[in-house]
C-alpha atoms as a PDB file:
ATOM      1  CA  MET A   1      23.902  -9.720  11.768  1.00  0.00           C
ATOM      2  CA  LYS A   2      20.672  -7.947  11.937  1.00  0.00           C
ATOM      3  CA  SER A   3      18.533  -7.328   8.886  1.00  0.00           C
ATOM      4  CA  GLY A   4      17.691  -3.729   8.206  1.00  0.00           C
ATOM      5  CA  ILE A   5      14.211  -4.581   9.040  1.00  0.00           C
ATOM      6  CA  GLU A   6      14.441  -6.071  12.487  1.00  0.00           C
ATOM      7  CA  GLY A   7      13.058  -3.769  15.120  1.00  0.00           C
ATOM      8  CA  LYS A   8      11.349  -1.408  12.689  1.00  0.00           C
ATOM      9  CA  VAL A   9       7.858  -0.567  13.369  1.00  0.00           C
ATOM     10  CA  VAL A  10       5.741  -0.842   9.932  1.00  0.00           C
ATOM     11  CA  ALA A  11       2.064   0.464   9.639  1.00  0.00           C
ATOM     12  CA  ILE A  12       0.418  -1.086   6.571  1.00  0.00           C
ATOM     13  CA  THR A  13      -3.142   0.125   5.322  1.00  0.00           C
ATOM     14  CA  GLY A  14      -5.280  -2.431   3.429  1.00  0.00           C
ATOM     15  CA  ALA A  15      -3.710  -5.144   5.633  1.00  0.00           C
ATOM     16  CA  SER A  16      -6.539  -7.445   5.791  1.00  0.00           C
ATOM     17  CA  SER A  17      -5.672  -9.232   2.437  1.00  0.00           C
ATOM     18  CA  GLY A  18      -3.596  -9.414  -0.553  1.00  0.00           C
ATOM     19  CA  ILE A  19      -0.280  -7.334  -0.560  1.00  0.00           C
ATOM     20  CA  GLY A  20      -1.089  -5.653   2.784  1.00  0.00           C
ATOM     21  CA  GLU A  21      -1.517  -9.026   4.564  1.00  0.00           C
ATOM     22  CA  THR A  22       1.359 -10.688   2.809  1.00  0.00           C
ATOM     23  CA  THR A  23       3.859  -7.851   3.571  1.00  0.00           C
ATOM     24  CA  ALA A  24       2.877  -7.825   7.234  1.00  0.00           C
ATOM     25  CA  ARG A  25       3.566 -11.502   7.437  1.00  0.00           C
ATOM     26  CA  HIS A  26       6.757 -11.171   5.476  1.00  0.00           C
ATOM     27  CA  LEU A  27       8.213  -8.242   7.582  1.00  0.00           C
ATOM     28  CA  ALA A  28       7.127  -9.735  10.917  1.00  0.00           C
ATOM     29  CA  ALA A  29       8.937 -12.942  10.046  1.00  0.00           C
ATOM     30  CA  ARG A  30      12.065 -10.748   9.425  1.00  0.00           C
ATOM     31  CA  GLY A  31      11.754  -9.101  12.868  1.00  0.00           C
ATOM     32  CA  ALA A  32       9.596  -5.937  12.156  1.00  0.00           C
ATOM     33  CA  MET A  33       6.777  -4.834  14.540  1.00  0.00           C
ATOM     34  CA  VAL A  34       3.740  -4.685  12.281  1.00  0.00           C
ATOM     35  CA  VAL A  35       0.652  -2.486  12.714  1.00  0.00           C
ATOM     36  CA  LEU A  36      -2.329  -3.597  10.501  1.00  0.00           C
ATOM     37  CA  GLY A  37      -5.001  -1.284   9.345  1.00  0.00           C
ATOM     38  CA  ALA A  38      -8.252  -2.120   7.341  1.00  0.00           C
ATOM     39  CA  ARG A  39     -12.068  -1.981   7.661  1.00  0.00           C
ATOM     40  CA  ARG A  40     -12.335  -5.837   8.400  1.00  0.00           C
ATOM     41  CA  LEU A  41     -11.220  -5.882  12.105  1.00  0.00           C
ATOM     42  CA  GLU A  42     -12.060  -9.573  12.460  1.00  0.00           C
ATOM     43  CA  ARG A  43      -9.926 -10.549   9.621  1.00  0.00           C
ATOM     44  CA  LEU A  44      -7.059  -8.271  11.027  1.00  0.00           C
ATOM     45  CA  GLU A  45      -7.357  -9.897  14.548  1.00  0.00           C
ATOM     46  CA  VAL A  46      -6.932 -13.380  12.919  1.00  0.00           C
ATOM     47  CA  ILE A  47      -3.735 -12.208  10.910  1.00  0.00           C
ATOM     48  CA  ALA A  48      -2.296 -10.450  13.980  1.00  0.00           C
ATOM     49  CA  ALA A  49      -2.938 -13.646  16.131  1.00  0.00           C
ATOM     50  CA  GLU A  50      -1.241 -15.823  13.822  1.00  0.00           C
ATOM     51  CA  ILE A  51       1.873 -13.590  13.448  1.00  0.00           C
ATOM     52  CA  ASN A  52       2.081 -13.217  17.151  1.00  0.00           C
ATOM     53  CA  ALA A  53       1.777 -17.034  17.800  1.00  0.00           C
ATOM     54  CA  ALA A  54       4.538 -17.515  15.418  1.00  0.00           C
ATOM     55  CA  GLY A  55       6.879 -15.284  17.474  1.00  0.00           C
ATOM     56  CA  GLY A  56       6.294 -12.054  15.726  1.00  0.00           C
ATOM     57  CA  LYS A  57       4.633  -8.688  16.913  1.00  0.00           C
ATOM     58  CA  ALA A  58       1.392  -7.509  15.349  1.00  0.00           C
ATOM     59  CA  LYS A  59      -1.241  -5.022  16.369  1.00  0.00           C
ATOM     60  CA  PRO A  60      -4.459  -4.760  14.496  1.00  0.00           C
ATOM     61  CA  PHE A  61      -6.605  -1.407  14.053  1.00  0.00           C
ATOM     62  CA  ALA A  62      -9.987  -1.055  12.433  1.00  0.00           C
ATOM     63  CA  MET A  63      -9.760   1.926  10.165  1.00  0.00           C
ATOM     64  CA  ASP A  64     -11.097   3.245   6.812  1.00  0.00           C
ATOM     65  CA  VAL A  65      -8.660   5.413   4.826  1.00  0.00           C
ATOM     66  CA  MET A  66     -11.612   7.518   3.506  1.00  0.00           C
ATOM     67  CA  LYS A  67     -11.864   8.888   7.150  1.00  0.00           C
ATOM     68  CA  GLN A  68      -9.019  11.280   7.977  1.00  0.00           C
ATOM     69  CA  ALA A  69      -9.670  10.769  11.767  1.00  0.00           C
ATOM     70  CA  ASP A  70      -9.344   6.917  11.319  1.00  0.00           C
ATOM     71  CA  VAL A  71      -5.935   7.451   9.622  1.00  0.00           C
ATOM     72  CA  ASP A  72      -4.675   9.813  12.367  1.00  0.00           C
ATOM     73  CA  ALA A  73      -5.739   7.380  15.100  1.00  0.00           C
ATOM     74  CA  PHE A  74      -4.071   4.457  13.221  1.00  0.00           C
ATOM     75  CA  VAL A  75      -0.783   6.347  13.025  1.00  0.00           C
ATOM     76  CA  ALA A  76      -1.126   7.478  16.545  1.00  0.00           C
ATOM     77  CA  GLY A  77      -1.963   3.943  17.841  1.00  0.00           C
ATOM     78  CA  ALA A  78       1.064   2.579  16.128  1.00  0.00           C
ATOM     79  CA  VAL A  79       3.363   4.991  17.861  1.00  0.00           C
ATOM     80  CA  GLN A  80       1.382   4.228  21.231  1.00  0.00           C
ATOM     81  CA  ALA A  81       1.765   0.544  20.740  1.00  0.00           C
ATOM     82  CA  PHE A  82       5.485   0.386  19.808  1.00  0.00           C
ATOM     83  CA  GLY A  83       6.977   3.851  20.779  1.00  0.00           C
ATOM     84  CA  LYS A  84       7.861   4.913  17.247  1.00  0.00           C
ATOM     85  CA  LEU A  85       6.831   4.443  13.581  1.00  0.00           C
ATOM     86  CA  ASP A  86       9.687   3.750  10.783  1.00  0.00           C
ATOM     87  CA  VAL A  87       7.531   3.008   7.763  1.00  0.00           C
ATOM     88  CA  LEU A  88       4.100   3.616   6.574  1.00  0.00           C
ATOM     89  CA  VAL A  89       2.985   1.565   3.571  1.00  0.00           C
ATOM     90  CA  ASN A  90      -0.025   3.231   1.886  1.00  0.00           C
ATOM     91  CA  ASN A  91      -1.405   0.001   0.343  1.00  0.00           C
ATOM     92  CA  ALA A  92      -5.282   0.369   0.527  1.00  0.00           C
ATOM     93  CA  GLY A  93      -6.620   0.701  -3.081  1.00  0.00           C
ATOM     94  CA  LEU A  94      -9.660   0.287  -5.143  1.00  0.00           C
ATOM     95  CA  MET A  95      -9.718  -0.660  -8.833  1.00  0.00           C
ATOM     96  CA  ALA A  96     -13.167  -0.373 -10.650  1.00  0.00           C
ATOM     97  CA  ILE A  97     -12.668  -0.869 -14.180  1.00  0.00           C
ATOM     98  CA  ALA A  98     -15.459   0.454 -16.682  1.00  0.00           C
ATOM     99  CA  PRO A  99     -15.636   2.695 -19.723  1.00  0.00           C
ATOM    100  CA  LEU A 100     -16.119   6.336 -18.969  1.00  0.00           C
ATOM    101  CA  SER A 101     -19.243   6.284 -21.117  1.00  0.00           C
ATOM    102  CA  GLU A 102     -20.791   4.024 -18.306  1.00  0.00           C
ATOM    103  CA  LEU A 103     -20.760   7.293 -16.051  1.00  0.00           C
ATOM    104  CA  ARG A 104     -19.822   5.106 -13.008  1.00  0.00           C
ATOM    105  CA  THR A 105     -19.280   8.598 -11.102  1.00  0.00           C
ATOM    106  CA  GLU A 106     -19.829   6.954  -7.570  1.00  0.00           C
ATOM    107  CA  GLU A 107     -17.066   4.542  -8.401  1.00  0.00           C
ATOM    108  CA  TRP A 108     -14.816   7.228  -9.587  1.00  0.00           C
ATOM    109  CA  ASN A 109     -15.229   9.090  -6.278  1.00  0.00           C
ATOM    110  CA  ARG A 110     -14.377   6.053  -4.372  1.00  0.00           C
ATOM    111  CA  MET A 111     -11.216   5.543  -6.203  1.00  0.00           C
ATOM    112  CA  ILE A 112     -10.197   9.145  -5.678  1.00  0.00           C
ATOM    113  CA  ASP A 113     -11.178   8.974  -2.035  1.00  0.00           C
ATOM    114  CA  ILE A 114      -9.266   5.719  -1.396  1.00  0.00           C
ATOM    115  CA  ASN A 115      -6.311   5.776  -3.778  1.00  0.00           C
ATOM    116  CA  ILE A 116      -5.440   9.567  -3.659  1.00  0.00           C
ATOM    117  CA  LYS A 117      -7.166  11.250  -0.557  1.00  0.00           C
ATOM    118  CA  GLY A 118      -6.499   8.125   1.549  1.00  0.00           C
ATOM    119  CA  LEU A 119      -2.681   8.125   0.727  1.00  0.00           C
ATOM    120  CA  LEU A 120      -2.688  11.876   1.462  1.00  0.00           C
ATOM    121  CA  TYR A 121      -4.222  11.274   4.798  1.00  0.00           C
ATOM    122  CA  GLY A 122      -1.611   8.857   5.671  1.00  0.00           C
ATOM    123  CA  VAL A 123       1.038  11.275   4.610  1.00  0.00           C
ATOM    124  CA  ALA A 124      -0.537  13.906   6.784  1.00  0.00           C
ATOM    125  CA  ALA A 125      -0.677  11.658   9.862  1.00  0.00           C
ATOM    126  CA  ALA A 126       2.766  10.250   9.520  1.00  0.00           C
ATOM    127  CA  LEU A 127       4.883  13.061   8.183  1.00  0.00           C
ATOM    128  CA  PRO A 128       4.881  14.977  11.626  1.00  0.00           C
ATOM    129  CA  VAL A 129       6.014  11.812  13.442  1.00  0.00           C
ATOM    130  CA  PHE A 130       8.769  11.258  10.972  1.00  0.00           C
ATOM    131  CA  GLN A 131       9.925  14.889  11.144  1.00  0.00           C
ATOM    132  CA  LYS A 132      10.065  14.843  14.991  1.00  0.00           C
ATOM    133  CA  GLN A 133      12.074  11.613  14.983  1.00  0.00           C
ATOM    134  CA  GLY A 134      14.262  12.723  12.148  1.00  0.00           C
ATOM    135  CA  SER A 135      13.610   9.602  10.063  1.00  0.00           C
ATOM    136  CA  GLY A 136      10.921   7.786   8.291  1.00  0.00           C
ATOM    137  CA  HIS A 137       9.701   5.879   5.111  1.00  0.00           C
ATOM    138  CA  PHE A 138       6.797   6.291   3.026  1.00  0.00           C
ATOM    139  CA  ILE A 139       6.009   3.346   0.625  1.00  0.00           C
ATOM    140  CA  ASN A 140       3.251   4.070  -1.739  1.00  0.00           C
ATOM    141  CA  ILE A 141       1.431   1.435  -3.708  1.00  0.00           C
ATOM    142  CA  SER A 142       0.781   2.649  -7.360  1.00  0.00           C
ATOM    143  CA  SER A 143       0.558   0.480 -10.429  1.00  0.00           C
ATOM    144  CA  VAL A 144       1.873  -0.037 -13.871  1.00  0.00           C
ATOM    145  CA  ALA A 145      -1.360   1.903 -14.729  1.00  0.00           C
ATOM    146  CA  GLY A 146       0.324   4.841 -13.158  1.00  0.00           C
ATOM    147  CA  LEU A 147       2.921   4.656 -15.758  1.00  0.00           C
ATOM    148  CA  LYS A 148       0.642   4.065 -18.948  1.00  0.00           C
ATOM    149  CA  VAL A 149      -3.117   4.603 -19.112  1.00  0.00           C
ATOM    150  CA  PHE A 150      -5.114   1.474 -18.806  1.00  0.00           C
ATOM    151  CA  SER A 151      -7.732   2.179 -21.306  1.00  0.00           C
ATOM    152  CA  PRO A 152     -10.541   1.637 -22.296  1.00  0.00           C
ATOM    153  CA  GLY A 153     -11.953   1.080 -18.914  1.00  0.00           C
ATOM    154  CA  GLY A 154      -9.245   2.090 -16.529  1.00  0.00           C
ATOM    155  CA  THR A 155      -8.884   5.746 -17.245  1.00  0.00           C
ATOM    156  CA  VAL A 156      -9.943   6.969 -13.903  1.00  0.00           C
ATOM    157  CA  TYR A 157      -7.952   4.255 -12.036  1.00  0.00           C
ATOM    158  CA  SER A 158      -4.922   5.273 -14.056  1.00  0.00           C
ATOM    159  CA  GLY A 159      -5.525   8.956 -13.074  1.00  0.00           C
ATOM    160  CA  THR A 160      -5.417   8.017  -9.491  1.00  0.00           C
ATOM    161  CA  LYS A 161      -2.228   5.828  -9.840  1.00  0.00           C
ATOM    162  CA  PHE A 162      -0.377   8.570 -11.936  1.00  0.00           C
ATOM    163  CA  ALA A 163      -1.403  10.873  -8.882  1.00  0.00           C
ATOM    164  CA  VAL A 164       0.107   8.549  -6.424  1.00  0.00           C
ATOM    165  CA  ALA A 165       3.440   8.586  -8.504  1.00  0.00           C
ATOM    166  CA  ALA A 166       3.406  12.459  -8.726  1.00  0.00           C
ATOM    167  CA  ILE A 167       2.591  12.849  -5.014  1.00  0.00           C
ATOM    168  CA  SER A 168       5.374  10.520  -4.201  1.00  0.00           C
ATOM    169  CA  GLU A 169       8.064  12.243  -6.244  1.00  0.00           C
ATOM    170  CA  GLY A 170       6.865  15.598  -4.811  1.00  0.00           C
ATOM    171  CA  LEU A 171       7.052  14.143  -1.410  1.00  0.00           C
ATOM    172  CA  ARG A 172      10.507  12.777  -1.918  1.00  0.00           C
ATOM    173  CA  HIS A 173      11.718  16.191  -3.230  1.00  0.00           C
ATOM    174  CA  GLU A 174      10.238  18.123  -0.299  1.00  0.00           C
ATOM    175  CA  VAL A 175      11.138  15.948   2.593  1.00  0.00           C
ATOM    176  CA  GLY A 176      13.846  13.760   1.258  1.00  0.00           C
ATOM    177  CA  ASP A 177      16.839  14.684   3.301  1.00  0.00           C
ATOM    178  CA  LYS A 178      16.005  12.400   6.178  1.00  0.00           C
ATOM    179  CA  ILE A 179      12.774  10.830   5.023  1.00  0.00           C
ATOM    180  CA  ARG A 180      12.789   8.148   2.461  1.00  0.00           C
ATOM    181  CA  THR A 181       9.782   7.785  -0.106  1.00  0.00           C
ATOM    182  CA  THR A 182       9.338   4.656  -2.326  1.00  0.00           C
ATOM    183  CA  VAL A 183       6.599   4.133  -4.775  1.00  0.00           C
ATOM    184  CA  ILE A 184       5.888   0.488  -5.950  1.00  0.00           C
ATOM    185  CA  MET A 185       4.158  -0.001  -9.391  1.00  0.00           C
ATOM    186  CA  PRO A 186       2.675  -3.568  -9.549  1.00  0.00           C
ATOM    187  CA  GLY A 187       1.477  -5.424 -12.665  1.00  0.00           C
ATOM    188  CA  ALA A 188      -0.999  -8.182 -12.391  1.00  0.00           C
ATOM    189  CA  ILE A 189      -0.867  -9.403  -8.857  1.00  0.00           C
ATOM    190  CA  ASP A 190      -3.035 -12.281  -7.404  1.00  0.00           C
ATOM    191  CA  THR A 191      -5.216 -10.198  -4.841  1.00  0.00           C
ATOM    192  CA  GLU A 192      -8.720  -9.097  -4.263  1.00  0.00           C
ATOM    193  CA  LEU A 193      -8.015  -5.771  -6.352  1.00  0.00           C
ATOM    194  CA  LYS A 194      -9.429  -7.323  -9.316  1.00  0.00           C
ATOM    195  CA  SER A 195     -12.757  -7.862  -7.609  1.00  0.00           C
ATOM    196  CA  GLY A 196     -13.379  -4.132  -7.341  1.00  0.00           C
ATOM    197  CA  THR A 197     -14.885  -3.980 -10.999  1.00  0.00           C
ATOM    198  CA  SER A 198     -18.729  -4.205 -11.057  1.00  0.00           C
ATOM    199  CA  ASP A 199     -19.218  -3.628 -14.868  1.00  0.00           C
ATOM    200  CA  PRO A 200     -19.892  -7.142 -16.188  1.00  0.00           C
ATOM    201  CA  ALA A 201     -17.993  -6.789 -19.515  1.00  0.00           C
ATOM    202  CA  SER A 202     -15.127  -5.204 -17.816  1.00  0.00           C
ATOM    203  CA  ARG A 203     -15.033  -7.859 -15.095  1.00  0.00           C
ATOM    204  CA  LYS A 204     -14.974 -10.602 -17.619  1.00  0.00           C
ATOM    205  CA  PHE A 205     -11.834  -8.756 -19.137  1.00  0.00           C
ATOM    206  CA  VAL A 206     -10.106  -8.119 -15.862  1.00  0.00           C
ATOM    207  CA  ASN A 207     -10.497 -11.798 -14.852  1.00  0.00           C
ATOM    208  CA  ALA A 208      -8.948 -12.936 -18.073  1.00  0.00           C
ATOM    209  CA  PHE A 209      -6.187 -10.398 -17.716  1.00  0.00           C
ATOM    210  CA  TYR A 210      -5.383 -11.599 -14.151  1.00  0.00           C
ATOM    211  CA  GLU A 211      -4.885 -15.210 -15.150  1.00  0.00           C
ATOM    212  CA  GLN A 212      -1.150 -14.177 -15.629  1.00  0.00           C
ATOM    213  CA  ALA A 213      -1.024 -12.944 -12.134  1.00  0.00           C
ATOM    214  CA  ILE A 214       1.917 -13.450  -9.821  1.00  0.00           C
ATOM    215  CA  PRO A 215       1.670 -13.909  -6.168  1.00  0.00           C
ATOM    216  CA  ALA A 216       1.377 -11.019  -3.535  1.00  0.00           C
ATOM    217  CA  GLU A 217       4.792 -12.290  -2.072  1.00  0.00           C
ATOM    218  CA  SER A 218       6.424 -10.684  -5.177  1.00  0.00           C
ATOM    219  CA  ILE A 219       5.467  -7.144  -3.818  1.00  0.00           C
ATOM    220  CA  ALA A 220       6.174  -8.017  -0.180  1.00  0.00           C
ATOM    221  CA  ARG A 221       9.861  -8.829  -1.185  1.00  0.00           C
ATOM    222  CA  ALA A 222      10.127  -5.612  -2.997  1.00  0.00           C
ATOM    223  CA  ILE A 223       8.764  -3.604  -0.041  1.00  0.00           C
ATOM    224  CA  ALA A 224      11.223  -5.569   2.174  1.00  0.00           C
ATOM    225  CA  TYR A 225      14.173  -4.677  -0.157  1.00  0.00           C
ATOM    226  CA  ALA A 226      13.340  -1.008  -0.002  1.00  0.00           C
ATOM    227  CA  ILE A 227      13.118  -0.973   3.845  1.00  0.00           C
ATOM    228  CA  GLU A 228      16.211  -2.975   4.468  1.00  0.00           C
ATOM    229  CA  GLN A 229      18.572  -0.496   2.408  1.00  0.00           C
ATOM    230  CA  PRO A 230      21.056   1.687   4.601  1.00  0.00           C
ATOM    231  CA  ALA A 231      19.452   4.999   5.768  1.00  0.00           C
ATOM    232  CA  ASN A 232      21.343   6.954   3.217  1.00  0.00           C
ATOM    233  CA  VAL A 233      19.952   4.822   0.261  1.00  0.00           C
ATOM    234  CA  ASP A 234      16.464   5.726  -0.987  1.00  0.00           C
ATOM    235  CA  VAL A 235      14.852   3.310  -3.553  1.00  0.00           C
ATOM    236  CA  ASN A 236      12.395   5.594  -5.241  1.00  0.00           C
ATOM    237  CA  GLN A 237      10.542   3.387  -7.699  1.00  0.00           C
ATOM    238  CA  ILE A 238      10.160  -0.326  -8.206  1.00  0.00           C
ATOM    239  CA  VAL A 239       8.041  -1.633 -11.172  1.00  0.00           C
ATOM    240  CA  ILE A 240       7.129  -5.497 -10.954  1.00  0.00           C
ATOM    241  CA  ARG A 241       5.102  -7.233 -13.520  1.00  0.00           C
ATOM    242  CA  PRO A 242       4.527 -11.000 -14.442  1.00  0.00           C
ATOM    243  CA  THR A 243       7.127 -11.880 -17.002  1.00  0.00           C
ATOM    244  CA  ALA A 244       4.322 -12.504 -19.542  1.00  0.00           C
ATOM    245  CA  GLN A 245       2.547  -9.234 -18.974  1.00  0.00           C
ATOM    246  CA  GLU A 246       2.681  -6.899 -21.993  1.00  0.00           C
ATOM    247  CA  PHE A 247       1.053  -3.840 -20.449  1.00  0.00           C
END
């Protein structure tokens, strides 16, 4: 029996490490054709080569989610490579933790550009493809910080992740007849995300907080679960934390 993943084309942003990389490997092993997008092309090429050598199908694309033209080209490249696009995983993200009083406005702008605008560029690129096909699936990576404000320090980050949840719900309501929308809200996951913090005191706190982190495979399995459901089943929200995590 075929899985609900086999033969699907899945494009993933932020695929050079962490949740993106792990999800690509997991889905490819289950028969998906994966399209990998990130800025670090050399890293993507290694991941794609390993997936292909193992019998999977993967295509790497250099792209920056802060550039709409890059995201458009990424989605178009996925369709050109495999003839369709079934799922877009908006995974690229930045977490820069610091008190508001530090006034790190450049980091605020980058989080807004990557976490919100980058996701919207993905929607803008993929939605016409999905509408033309009459099917498609957006999977947007938010955070438990999109459920409760992570403060002090994570106020702007939480703002961006609340926005992801709001955009995802509005998207579901607007196009949900044939297009599915899932928002994944991870807690502490062992990825490079914790390295986005440049404030020394906040970095110490974040590193201590992430000592309870669980592997990225935890999120990859959740993404696979959402994808493999029948077309008339839309898994809208999944929250995953380490068992020990209080926040």
